[in-house]
């Protein structure tokens, strides 16, 4: 199993808009990607940073996510909301 932890660099004042886009995307991922085990937005209680936590059954499932129509369609919706690209960590699940 593979994991991704992505820190989103959200512009100040755009938090609610990013949440709406991410929640819509997460619903699409859960409904349409059988190889995805977890796709959820979380917010750091200390500094308010946003992270996306993702789990995939294998590399093919992870690749399918990146090629999905709903993922591609979400990209433009983030226009003007982000202060930079996400900081992405790819991991292998140990246990």
PDB file of N, CA and C in Angstrom:
ATOM      1  N   UNK A   1       0.853  -1.173   0.000  1.00  0.00           N
ATOM      2  CA  UNK A   1       0.000   0.000   0.000  1.00  0.00           C
ATOM      3  C   UNK A   1       0.899   1.236   0.000  1.00  0.00           C
ATOM      4  N   UNK A   2       0.454   2.265  -0.690  1.00  0.00           N
ATOM      5  CA  UNK A   2       1.201   3.508  -0.810  1.00  0.00           C
ATOM      6  C   UNK A   2       0.418   4.661  -0.182  1.00  0.00           C
ATOM      7  N   UNK A   3       1.151   5.606   0.385  1.00  0.00           N
ATOM      8  CA  UNK A   3       0.527   6.761   1.025  1.00  0.00           C
ATOM      9  C   UNK A   3       1.099   8.046   0.440  1.00  0.00           C
ATOM     10  N   UNK A   4       0.270   9.074   0.456  1.00  0.00           N
ATOM     11  CA  UNK A   4       0.689  10.418   0.079  1.00  0.00           C
ATOM     12  C   UNK A   4       0.190  11.366   1.158  1.00  0.00           C
ATOM     13  N   UNK A   5       1.083  12.263   1.556  1.00  0.00           N
ATOM     14  CA  UNK A   5       0.703  13.345   2.460  1.00  0.00           C
ATOM     15  C   UNK A   5       1.083  14.630   1.736  1.00  0.00           C
ATOM     16  N   UNK A   6       0.089  15.440   1.421  1.00  0.00           N
ATOM     17  CA  UNK A   6       0.332  16.663   0.655  1.00  0.00           C
ATOM     18  C   UNK A   6      -0.058  17.873   1.493  1.00  0.00           C
ATOM     19  N   UNK A   7       0.918  18.736   1.744  1.00  0.00           N
ATOM     20  CA  UNK A   7       0.633  19.987   2.450  1.00  0.00           C
ATOM     21  C   UNK A   7       0.217  21.013   1.402  1.00  0.00           C
ATOM     22  N   UNK A   8      -0.960  21.591   1.592  1.00  0.00           N
ATOM     23  CA  UNK A   8      -1.478  22.586   0.662  1.00  0.00           C
ATOM     24  C   UNK A   8      -1.046  23.976   1.102  1.00  0.00           C
ATOM     25  N   UNK A   9      -0.545  24.743   0.174  1.00  0.00           N
ATOM     26  CA  UNK A   9      -0.133  26.123   0.459  1.00  0.00           C
ATOM     27  C   UNK A   9      -1.271  27.067   0.072  1.00  0.00           C
ATOM     28  N   UNK A  10      -2.182  27.239   1.007  1.00  0.00           N
ATOM     29  CA  UNK A  10      -3.404  28.010   0.784  1.00  0.00           C
ATOM     30  C   UNK A  10      -3.155  29.492   1.051  1.00  0.00           C
ATOM     31  N   UNK A  11      -3.631  30.344   0.130  1.00  0.00           N
ATOM     32  CA  UNK A  11      -3.541  31.786   0.349  1.00  0.00           C
ATOM     33  C   UNK A  11      -4.427  32.182   1.527  1.00  0.00           C
ATOM     34  N   UNK A  12      -3.938  33.131   2.295  1.00  0.00           N
ATOM     35  CA  UNK A  12      -4.712  33.630   3.422  1.00  0.00           C
ATOM     36  C   UNK A  12      -6.046  34.190   2.929  1.00  0.00           C
ATOM     37  N   UNK A  13      -7.111  33.810   3.611  1.00  0.00           N
ATOM     38  CA  UNK A  13      -8.442  34.268   3.252  1.00  0.00           C
ATOM     39  C   UNK A  13      -9.154  33.368   2.253  1.00  0.00           C
ATOM     40  N   UNK A  14      -8.474  32.357   1.746  1.00  0.00           N
ATOM     41  CA  UNK A  14      -9.057  31.461   0.741  1.00  0.00           C
ATOM     42  C   UNK A  14      -9.363  30.075   1.308  1.00  0.00           C
ATOM     43  N   UNK A  15      -9.294  29.950   2.613  1.00  0.00           N
ATOM     44  CA  UNK A  15      -9.453  28.655   3.256  1.00  0.00           C
ATOM     45  C   UNK A  15     -10.800  27.998   2.958  1.00  0.00           C
ATOM     46  N   UNK A  16     -11.888  28.734   3.080  1.00  0.00           N
ATOM     47  CA  UNK A  16     -13.218  28.160   2.854  1.00  0.00           C
ATOM     48  C   UNK A  16     -13.382  27.687   1.411  1.00  0.00           C
ATOM     49  N   UNK A  17     -12.820  28.438   0.474  1.00  0.00           N
ATOM     50  CA  UNK A  17     -12.922  28.055  -0.930  1.00  0.00           C
ATOM     51  C   UNK A  17     -12.121  26.781  -1.209  1.00  0.00           C
ATOM     52  N   UNK A  18     -10.930  26.690  -0.622  1.00  0.00           N
ATOM     53  CA  UNK A  18     -10.119  25.485  -0.797  1.00  0.00           C
ATOM     54  C   UNK A  18     -10.830  24.288  -0.181  1.00  0.00           C
ATOM     55  N   UNK A  19     -11.404  24.478   0.989  1.00  0.00           N
ATOM     56  CA  UNK A  19     -12.149  23.385   1.624  1.00  0.00           C
ATOM     57  C   UNK A  19     -13.263  22.890   0.714  1.00  0.00           C
ATOM     58  N   UNK A  20     -14.011  23.792   0.118  1.00  0.00           N
ATOM     59  CA  UNK A  20     -15.123  23.394  -0.758  1.00  0.00           C
ATOM     60  C   UNK A  20     -14.632  22.598  -1.954  1.00  0.00           C
ATOM     61  N   UNK A  21     -13.562  23.055  -2.600  1.00  0.00           N
ATOM     62  CA  UNK A  21     -13.019  22.345  -3.759  1.00  0.00           C
ATOM     63  C   UNK A  21     -12.505  20.975  -3.340  1.00  0.00           C
ATOM     64  N   UNK A  22     -11.789  20.918  -2.232  1.00  0.00           N
ATOM     65  CA  UNK A  22     -11.214  19.650  -1.775  1.00  0.00           C
ATOM     66  C   UNK A  22     -12.289  18.660  -1.351  1.00  0.00           C
ATOM     67  N   UNK A  23     -13.327  19.131  -0.693  1.00  0.00           N
ATOM     68  CA  UNK A  23     -14.390  18.218  -0.268  1.00  0.00           C
ATOM     69  C   UNK A  23     -15.130  17.646  -1.469  1.00  0.00           C
ATOM     70  N   UNK A  24     -15.320  18.459  -2.491  1.00  0.00           N
ATOM     71  CA  UNK A  24     -15.935  17.984  -3.729  1.00  0.00           C
ATOM     72  C   UNK A  24     -15.032  16.941  -4.397  1.00  0.00           C
ATOM     73  N   UNK A  25     -13.744  17.223  -4.474  1.00  0.00           N
ATOM     74  CA  UNK A  25     -12.805  16.280  -5.075  1.00  0.00           C
ATOM     75  C   UNK A  25     -12.751  14.985  -4.278  1.00  0.00           C
ATOM     76  N   UNK A  26     -12.689  15.081  -2.964  1.00  0.00           N
ATOM     77  CA  UNK A  26     -12.632  13.882  -2.122  1.00  0.00           C
ATOM     78  C   UNK A  26     -13.847  12.987  -2.348  1.00  0.00           C
ATOM     79  N   UNK A  27     -15.005  13.578  -2.478  1.00  0.00           N
ATOM     80  CA  UNK A  27     -16.217  12.790  -2.735  1.00  0.00           C
ATOM     81  C   UNK A  27     -16.108  12.056  -4.069  1.00  0.00           C
ATOM     82  N   UNK A  28     -15.569  12.718  -5.080  1.00  0.00           N
ATOM     83  CA  UNK A  28     -15.390  12.092  -6.397  1.00  0.00           C
ATOM     84  C   UNK A  28     -14.366  10.957  -6.336  1.00  0.00           C
ATOM     85  N   UNK A  29     -13.280  11.171  -5.615  1.00  0.00           N
ATOM     86  CA  UNK A  29     -12.258  10.131  -5.471  1.00  0.00           C
ATOM     87  C   UNK A  29     -12.870   8.907  -4.814  1.00  0.00           C
ATOM     88  N   UNK A  30     -13.581   9.107  -3.712  1.00  0.00           N
ATOM     89  CA  UNK A  30     -14.172   7.979  -2.981  1.00  0.00           C
ATOM     90  C   UNK A  30     -15.190   7.223  -3.836  1.00  0.00           C
ATOM     91  N   UNK A  31     -15.933   7.941  -4.655  1.00  0.00           N
ATOM     92  CA  UNK A  31     -16.983   7.316  -5.466  1.00  0.00           C
ATOM     93  C   UNK A  31     -16.445   6.609  -6.713  1.00  0.00           C
ATOM     94  N   UNK A  32     -15.289   7.036  -7.210  1.00  0.00           N
ATOM     95  CA  UNK A  32     -14.856   6.573  -8.527  1.00  0.00           C
ATOM     96  C   UNK A  32     -13.499   5.887  -8.586  1.00  0.00           C
ATOM     97  N   UNK A  33     -12.822   5.757  -7.475  1.00  0.00           N
ATOM     98  CA  UNK A  33     -11.486   5.164  -7.498  1.00  0.00           C
ATOM     99  C   UNK A  33     -11.418   3.963  -6.551  1.00  0.00           C
ATOM    100  N   UNK A  34     -11.668   2.760  -7.079  1.00  0.00           N
ATOM    101  CA  UNK A  34     -11.660   1.577  -6.214  1.00  0.00           C
ATOM    102  C   UNK A  34     -10.305   1.283  -5.574  1.00  0.00           C
ATOM    103  N   UNK A  35      -9.210   1.761  -6.156  1.00  0.00           N
ATOM    104  CA  UNK A  35      -7.885   1.533  -5.590  1.00  0.00           C
ATOM    105  C   UNK A  35      -7.485   2.546  -4.533  1.00  0.00           C
ATOM    106  N   UNK A  36      -8.369   3.484  -4.233  1.00  0.00           N
ATOM    107  CA  UNK A  36      -8.097   4.484  -3.206  1.00  0.00           C
ATOM    108  C   UNK A  36      -8.744   4.023  -1.905  1.00  0.00           C
ATOM    109  N   UNK A  37      -7.963   3.993  -0.842  1.00  0.00           N
ATOM    110  CA  UNK A  37      -8.457   3.572   0.474  1.00  0.00           C
ATOM    111  C   UNK A  37      -8.779   4.754   1.385  1.00  0.00           C
ATOM    112  N   UNK A  38      -8.141   5.905   1.131  1.00  0.00           N
ATOM    113  CA  UNK A  38      -8.360   7.098   1.953  1.00  0.00           C
ATOM    114  C   UNK A  38      -8.001   8.323   1.135  1.00  0.00           C
ATOM    115  N   UNK A  39      -8.847   9.307   1.173  1.00  0.00           N
ATOM    116  CA  UNK A  39      -8.575  10.602   0.533  1.00  0.00           C
ATOM    117  C   UNK A  39      -9.339  11.628   1.341  1.00  0.00           C
ATOM    118  N   UNK A  40      -8.629  12.319   2.215  1.00  0.00           N
ATOM    119  CA  UNK A  40      -9.313  13.218   3.126  1.00  0.00           C
ATOM    120  C   UNK A  40      -8.490  14.469   3.406  1.00  0.00           C
ATOM    121  N   UNK A  41      -9.165  15.567   3.606  1.00  0.00           N
ATOM    122  CA  UNK A  41      -8.556  16.844   3.941  1.00  0.00           C
ATOM    123  C   UNK A  41      -8.534  16.987   5.456  1.00  0.00           C
ATOM    124  N   UNK A  42      -7.375  17.366   5.987  1.00  0.00           N
ATOM    125  CA  UNK A  42      -7.252  17.613   7.423  1.00  0.00           C
ATOM    126  C   UNK A  42      -6.618  18.984   7.634  1.00  0.00           C
ATOM    127  N   UNK A  43      -6.864  19.538   8.810  1.00  0.00           N
ATOM    128  CA  UNK A  43      -6.346  20.871   9.143  1.00  0.00           C
ATOM    129  C   UNK A  43      -5.577  20.780  10.454  1.00  0.00           C
ATOM    130  N   UNK A  44      -4.366  21.299  10.455  1.00  0.00           N
ATOM    131  CA  UNK A  44      -3.512  21.304  11.643  1.00  0.00           C
ATOM    132  C   UNK A  44      -4.141  22.205  12.700  1.00  0.00           C
ATOM    133  N   UNK A  45      -4.340  21.663  13.901  1.00  0.00           N
ATOM    134  CA  UNK A  45      -4.953  22.427  14.989  1.00  0.00           C
ATOM    135  C   UNK A  45      -4.063  23.554  15.489  1.00  0.00           C
ATOM    136  N   UNK A  46      -2.758  23.439  15.289  1.00  0.00           N
ATOM    137  CA  UNK A  46      -1.843  24.448  15.823  1.00  0.00           C
ATOM    138  C   UNK A  46      -1.673  25.645  14.896  1.00  0.00           C
ATOM    139  N   UNK A  47      -1.429  25.401  13.616  1.00  0.00           N
ATOM    140  CA  UNK A  47      -1.131  26.528  12.728  1.00  0.00           C
ATOM    141  C   UNK A  47      -2.121  26.712  11.581  1.00  0.00           C
ATOM    142  N   UNK A  48      -3.135  25.859  11.495  1.00  0.00           N
ATOM    143  CA  UNK A  48      -4.156  26.017  10.472  1.00  0.00           C
ATOM    144  C   UNK A  48      -3.770  25.515   9.096  1.00  0.00           C
ATOM    145  N   UNK A  49      -2.608  24.863   8.976  1.00  0.00           N
ATOM    146  CA  UNK A  49      -2.190  24.315   7.683  1.00  0.00           C
ATOM    147  C   UNK A  49      -3.114  23.186   7.255  1.00  0.00           C
ATOM    148  N   UNK A  50      -3.273  23.047   5.944  1.00  0.00           N
ATOM    149  CA  UNK A  50      -4.101  21.984   5.379  1.00  0.00           C
ATOM    150  C   UNK A  50      -3.225  20.891   4.783  1.00  0.00           C
ATOM    151  N   UNK A  51      -3.662  19.651   4.967  1.00  0.00           N
ATOM    152  CA  UNK A  51      -2.996  18.484   4.398  1.00  0.00           C
ATOM    153  C   UNK A  51      -4.041  17.588   3.761  1.00  0.00           C
ATOM    154  N   UNK A  52      -3.636  16.902   2.698  1.00  0.00           N
ATOM    155  CA  UNK A  52      -4.461  15.852   2.119  1.00  0.00           C
ATOM    156  C   UNK A  52      -3.762  14.544   2.441  1.00  0.00           C
ATOM    157  N   UNK A  53      -4.504  13.634   3.063  1.00  0.00           N
ATOM    158  CA  UNK A  53      -3.991  12.304   3.380  1.00  0.00           C
ATOM    159  C   UNK A  53      -4.599  11.318   2.398  1.00  0.00           C
ATOM    160  N   UNK A  54      -3.722  10.525   1.756  1.00  0.00           N
ATOM    161  CA  UNK A  54      -4.163   9.610   0.709  1.00  0.00           C
ATOM    162  C   UNK A  54      -3.549   8.230   0.920  1.00  0.00           C
ATOM    163  N   UNK A  55      -4.328   7.176   0.660  1.00  0.00           N
ATOM    164  CA  UNK A  55      -3.840   5.802   0.671  1.00  0.00           C
ATOM    165  C   UNK A  55      -4.302   5.109  -0.601  1.00  0.00           C
ATOM    166  N   UNK A  56      -3.381   4.390  -1.243  1.00  0.00           N
ATOM    167  CA  UNK A  56      -3.687   3.663  -2.477  1.00  0.00           C
ATOM    168  C   UNK A  56      -3.241   2.218  -2.337  1.00  0.00           C
ATOM    169  N   UNK A  57      -3.970   1.311  -2.954  1.00  0.00           N
ATOM    170  CA  UNK A  57      -3.645  -0.106  -2.872  1.00  0.00           C
ATOM    171  C   UNK A  57      -2.314  -0.426  -3.544  1.00  0.00           C
ATOM    172  N   UNK A  58      -1.976   0.312  -4.610  1.00  0.00           N
ATOM    173  CA  UNK A  58      -0.729   0.052  -5.326  1.00  0.00           C
ATOM    174  C   UNK A  58      -0.396   1.225  -6.244  1.00  0.00           C
ATOM    175  N   UNK A  59       0.718   1.104  -6.957  1.00  0.00           N
ATOM    176  CA  UNK A  59       1.170   2.187  -7.833  1.00  0.00           C
ATOM    177  C   UNK A  59       0.188   2.446  -8.969  1.00  0.00           C
ATOM    178  N   UNK A  60      -0.474   1.406  -9.467  1.00  0.00           N
ATOM    179  CA  UNK A  60      -1.456   1.596 -10.534  1.00  0.00           C
ATOM    180  C   UNK A  60      -2.628   2.448 -10.056  1.00  0.00           C
ATOM    181  N   UNK A  61      -3.079   2.214  -8.823  1.00  0.00           N
ATOM    182  CA  UNK A  61      -4.186   3.000  -8.263  1.00  0.00           C
ATOM    183  C   UNK A  61      -3.778   4.456  -8.081  1.00  0.00           C
ATOM    184  N   UNK A  62      -2.528   4.668  -7.651  1.00  0.00           N
ATOM    185  CA  UNK A  62      -2.040   6.036  -7.484  1.00  0.00           C
ATOM    186  C   UNK A  62      -1.964   6.739  -8.845  1.00  0.00           C
ATOM    187  N   UNK A  63      -1.473   6.035  -9.851  1.00  0.00           N
ATOM    188  CA  UNK A  63      -1.384   6.611 -11.197  1.00  0.00           C
ATOM    189  C   UNK A  63      -2.770   6.907 -11.755  1.00  0.00           C
ATOM    190  N   UNK A  64      -3.715   6.015 -11.512  1.00  0.00           N
ATOM    191  CA  UNK A  64      -5.088   6.212 -11.993  1.00  0.00           C
ATOM    192  C   UNK A  64      -5.695   7.465 -11.387  1.00  0.00           C
ATOM    193  N   UNK A  65      -5.369   7.755 -10.139  1.00  0.00           N
ATOM    194  CA  UNK A  65      -5.872   8.972  -9.493  1.00  0.00           C
ATOM    195  C   UNK A  65      -5.408  10.202 -10.262  1.00  0.00           C
ATOM    196  N   UNK A  66      -4.126  10.258 -10.569  1.00  0.00           N
ATOM    197  CA  UNK A  66      -3.575  11.405 -11.274  1.00  0.00           C
ATOM    198  C   UNK A  66      -4.114  11.577 -12.681  1.00  0.00           C
ATOM    199  N   UNK A  67      -4.591  10.505 -13.274  1.00  0.00           N
ATOM    200  CA  UNK A  67      -5.127  10.548 -14.639  1.00  0.00           C
ATOM    201  C   UNK A  67      -6.647  10.673 -14.688  1.00  0.00           C
ATOM    202  N   UNK A  68      -7.297  10.647 -13.523  1.00  0.00           N
ATOM    203  CA  UNK A  68      -8.766  10.670 -13.489  1.00  0.00           C
ATOM    204  C   UNK A  68      -9.319  12.022 -13.957  1.00  0.00           C
ATOM    205  N   UNK A  69     -10.479  11.975 -14.566  1.00  0.00           N
ATOM    206  CA  UNK A  69     -11.122  13.199 -15.058  1.00  0.00           C
ATOM    207  C   UNK A  69     -11.462  14.150 -13.916  1.00  0.00           C
ATOM    208  N   UNK A  70     -11.929  13.611 -12.789  1.00  0.00           N
ATOM    209  CA  UNK A  70     -12.285  14.489 -11.670  1.00  0.00           C
ATOM    210  C   UNK A  70     -11.054  15.172 -11.080  1.00  0.00           C
ATOM    211  N   UNK A  71      -9.916  14.489 -11.055  1.00  0.00           N
ATOM    212  CA  UNK A  71      -8.689  15.126 -10.561  1.00  0.00           C
ATOM    213  C   UNK A  71      -8.248  16.236 -11.514  1.00  0.00           C
ATOM    214  N   UNK A  72      -8.263  15.947 -12.805  1.00  0.00           N
ATOM    215  CA  UNK A  72      -7.881  16.951 -13.801  1.00  0.00           C
ATOM    216  C   UNK A  72      -8.830  18.142 -13.778  1.00  0.00           C
ATOM    217  N   UNK A  73     -10.125  17.892 -13.593  1.00  0.00           N
ATOM    218  CA  UNK A  73     -11.122  18.966 -13.568  1.00  0.00           C
ATOM    219  C   UNK A  73     -10.976  19.848 -12.326  1.00  0.00           C
ATOM    220  N   UNK A  74     -10.450  19.292 -11.239  1.00  0.00           N
ATOM    221  CA  UNK A  74     -10.308  20.067 -10.006  1.00  0.00           C
ATOM    222  C   UNK A  74      -9.186  21.098 -10.111  1.00  0.00           C
ATOM    223  N   UNK A  75      -8.170  20.821 -10.910  1.00  0.00           N
ATOM    224  CA  UNK A  75      -7.011  21.710 -11.004  1.00  0.00           C
ATOM    225  C   UNK A  75      -7.358  23.170 -11.226  1.00  0.00           C
ATOM    226  N   UNK A  76      -8.134  23.486 -12.254  1.00  0.00           N
ATOM    227  CA  UNK A  76      -8.471  24.896 -12.503  1.00  0.00           C
ATOM    228  C   UNK A  76      -9.286  25.545 -11.374  1.00  0.00           C
ATOM    229  N   UNK A  77      -9.992  24.739 -10.603  1.00  0.00           N
ATOM    230  CA  UNK A  77     -10.802  25.285  -9.509  1.00  0.00           C
ATOM    231  C   UNK A  77      -9.927  25.855  -8.389  1.00  0.00           C
ATOM    232  N   UNK A  78      -8.662  25.438  -8.348  1.00  0.00           N
ATOM    233  CA  UNK A  78      -7.745  25.945  -7.330  1.00  0.00           C
ATOM    234  C   UNK A  78      -7.078  27.249  -7.756  1.00  0.00           C
ATOM    235  N   UNK A  79      -7.335  27.693  -8.985  1.00  0.00           N
ATOM    236  CA  UNK A  79      -6.741  28.926  -9.493  1.00  0.00           C
ATOM    237  C   UNK A  79      -7.022  30.111  -8.578  1.00  0.00           C
ATOM    238  N   UNK A  80      -5.983  30.813  -8.172  1.00  0.00           N
ATOM    239  CA  UNK A  80      -6.131  31.977  -7.308  1.00  0.00           C
ATOM    240  C   UNK A  80      -6.296  31.659  -5.838  1.00  0.00           C
ATOM    241  N   UNK A  81      -6.340  30.370  -5.494  1.00  0.00           N
ATOM    242  CA  UNK A  81      -6.548  29.985  -4.098  1.00  0.00           C
ATOM    243  C   UNK A  81      -5.264  29.560  -3.403  1.00  0.00           C
ATOM    244  N   UNK A  82      -4.269  29.209  -4.202  1.00  0.00           N
ATOM    245  CA  UNK A  82      -3.057  28.636  -3.645  1.00  0.00           C
ATOM    246  C   UNK A  82      -1.907  29.643  -3.700  1.00  0.00           C
ATOM    247  N   UNK A  83      -1.040  29.568  -2.695  1.00  0.00           N
ATOM    248  CA  UNK A  83       0.123  30.432  -2.645  1.00  0.00           C
ATOM    249  C   UNK A  83       1.360  29.770  -3.220  1.00  0.00           C
ATOM    250  N   UNK A  84       1.208  28.572  -3.740  1.00  0.00           N
ATOM    251  CA  UNK A  84       2.315  27.826  -4.318  1.00  0.00           C
ATOM    252  C   UNK A  84       1.914  26.380  -4.470  1.00  0.00           C
ATOM    253  N   UNK A  85       2.803  25.576  -5.056  1.00  0.00           N
ATOM    254  CA  UNK A  85       2.473  24.164  -5.248  1.00  0.00           C
ATOM    255  C   UNK A  85       2.422  23.422  -3.921  1.00  0.00           C
ATOM    256  N   UNK A  86       1.725  22.290  -3.885  1.00  0.00           N
ATOM    257  CA  UNK A  86       1.700  21.504  -2.651  1.00  0.00           C
ATOM    258  C   UNK A  86       3.065  20.890  -2.376  1.00  0.00           C
ATOM    259  N   UNK A  87       3.320  20.636  -1.112  1.00  0.00           N
ATOM    260  CA  UNK A  87       4.530  19.929  -0.694  1.00  0.00           C
ATOM    261  C   UNK A  87       4.119  18.474  -0.513  1.00  0.00           C
ATOM    262  N   UNK A  88       4.614  17.590  -1.382  1.00  0.00           N
ATOM    263  CA  UNK A  88       4.134  16.209  -1.432  1.00  0.00           C
ATOM    264  C   UNK A  88       5.171  15.241  -0.899  1.00  0.00           C
ATOM    265  N   UNK A  89       4.725  14.362   0.002  1.00  0.00           N
ATOM    266  CA  UNK A  89       5.532  13.256   0.512  1.00  0.00           C
ATOM    267  C   UNK A  89       4.871  11.958   0.072  1.00  0.00           C
ATOM    268  N   UNK A  90       5.641  11.122  -0.617  1.00  0.00           N
ATOM    269  CA  UNK A  90       5.165   9.795  -1.007  1.00  0.00           C
ATOM    270  C   UNK A  90       5.815   8.770  -0.080  1.00  0.00           C
ATOM    271  N   UNK A  91       5.009   7.837   0.425  1.00  0.00           N
ATOM    272  CA  UNK A  91       5.484   6.877   1.411  1.00  0.00           C
ATOM    273  C   UNK A  91       4.983   5.483   1.097  1.00  0.00           C
ATOM    274  N   UNK A  92       5.686   4.496   1.621  1.00  0.00           N
ATOM    275  CA  UNK A  92       5.222   3.119   1.575  1.00  0.00           C
ATOM    276  C   UNK A  92       4.673   2.782   2.961  1.00  0.00           C
ATOM    277  N   UNK A  93       3.486   2.221   2.988  1.00  0.00           N
ATOM    278  CA  UNK A  93       2.853   1.861   4.269  1.00  0.00           C
ATOM    279  C   UNK A  93       3.594   0.670   4.849  1.00  0.00           C
ATOM    280  N   UNK A  94       4.008   0.789   6.106  1.00  0.00           N
ATOM    281  CA  UNK A  94       4.745  -0.269   6.777  1.00  0.00           C
ATOM    282  C   UNK A  94       3.807  -1.212   7.512  1.00  0.00           C
ATOM    283  N   UNK A  95       2.794  -0.680   8.120  1.00  0.00           N
ATOM    284  CA  UNK A  95       1.903  -1.543   8.882  1.00  0.00           C
ATOM    285  C   UNK A  95       0.592  -0.884   9.162  1.00  0.00           C
TER     286      UNK A  95
END
